[in-house]
Amino acid sequence: MQGALTTIAFAPQFIKALTTKSAKNVSFPMLPCSTSGMTLRLLYGIRVNDPSIIAANSVSVMLAAPLLGIQVQK
């Protein structure tokens, strides 16, 4: 359940950033912190071979990383 909520949390911001071509309303300090945390959870999931952790965090990182990229390009 936690993985699903974490994944869903980034979807609205990702969609808004894609449609507006801007992530100016997204907090920059939050993005690297949360993306790093999701990446670390993904690596943990790989280490313990847990498909649910791997799946949830893979999708989360794929949603959060482009937002971070858009923010950095500003």
Protein backbone atom coordinates (compact mmCIF):
# COMPACT_ATOMS: atom_id res chain seq x y z
CA MET A 1 0.00 0.00 0.00
CA GLN A 2 2.79 2.45 0.89
CA GLY A 3 4.47 1.83 -2.46
CA ALA A 4 1.26 2.52 -4.35
CA LEU A 5 0.66 5.78 -2.48
CA THR A 6 4.23 6.96 -3.04
CA THR A 7 3.93 6.19 -6.73
CA ILE A 8 0.56 7.89 -7.11
CA ALA A 9 1.80 10.99 -5.26
CA PHE A 10 4.12 11.99 -8.10
CA ALA A 11 1.71 11.31 -10.95
CA PRO A 12 -0.24 14.62 -10.75
CA GLN A 13 2.95 16.70 -10.60
CA PHE A 14 4.46 14.72 -13.46
CA ILE A 15 1.37 15.21 -15.64
CA LYS A 16 1.17 18.93 -14.82
CA ALA A 17 4.87 19.44 -15.60
CA LEU A 18 4.48 17.63 -18.92
CA THR A 19 1.43 19.61 -19.97
CA THR A 20 2.80 23.01 -18.89
CA LYS A 21 6.44 22.21 -19.77
CA SER A 22 7.35 23.70 -16.39
CA ALA A 23 8.01 22.46 -12.89
CA LYS A 24 8.36 25.91 -11.32
CA ASN A 25 5.65 25.19 -8.73
CA VAL A 26 7.39 22.05 -7.48
CA SER A 27 9.66 22.49 -4.45
CA PHE A 28 13.23 21.94 -5.61
CA PRO A 29 14.62 20.72 -2.23
CA MET A 30 11.85 18.12 -2.06
CA LEU A 31 12.70 16.60 -5.45
CA PRO A 32 16.29 15.46 -4.87
CA CYS A 33 15.44 14.27 -1.36
CA SER A 34 12.44 12.21 -2.40
CA THR A 35 14.07 10.94 -5.61
CA SER A 36 17.12 9.85 -3.63
CA GLY A 37 14.95 8.10 -1.06
CA MET A 38 12.99 6.27 -3.75
CA THR A 39 16.23 5.27 -5.47
CA LEU A 40 17.62 3.90 -2.22
CA ARG A 41 14.40 1.94 -1.61
CA LEU A 42 14.64 0.60 -5.16
CA LEU A 43 18.22 -0.55 -4.53
CA TYR A 44 17.08 -2.15 -1.26
CA GLY A 45 14.28 -3.96 -3.10
CA ILE A 46 16.79 -5.27 -5.61
CA ARG A 47 19.13 -6.38 -2.82
CA VAL A 48 16.41 -8.33 -0.97
CA ASN A 49 14.79 -9.43 -4.25
CA ASP A 50 11.33 -8.07 -3.39
CA PRO A 51 9.28 -7.55 -6.57
CA SER A 52 6.72 -5.24 -4.94
CA ILE A 53 9.38 -2.86 -3.62
CA ILE A 54 11.19 -2.97 -6.96
CA ALA A 55 8.03 -2.29 -8.98
CA ALA A 56 6.68 0.53 -6.83
CA ASN A 57 9.97 2.37 -6.56
CA SER A 58 10.88 1.86 -10.21
CA VAL A 59 7.70 3.64 -11.25
CA SER A 60 8.18 6.34 -8.60
CA VAL A 61 11.72 7.07 -9.75
CA MET A 62 10.59 7.15 -13.39
CA LEU A 63 7.99 9.80 -12.45
CA ALA A 64 10.19 11.86 -10.13
CA ALA A 65 13.45 11.90 -12.11
CA PRO A 66 12.03 13.84 -15.10
CA LEU A 67 10.60 16.45 -12.71
CA LEU A 68 14.05 16.83 -11.20
CA GLY A 69 15.50 17.18 -14.70
CA ILE A 70 12.97 19.86 -15.62
CA GLN A 71 13.76 21.76 -12.41
CA VAL A 72 17.51 21.61 -12.96
CA GLN A 73 17.15 22.98 -16.51
CA LYS A 74 15.64 26.24 -15.20
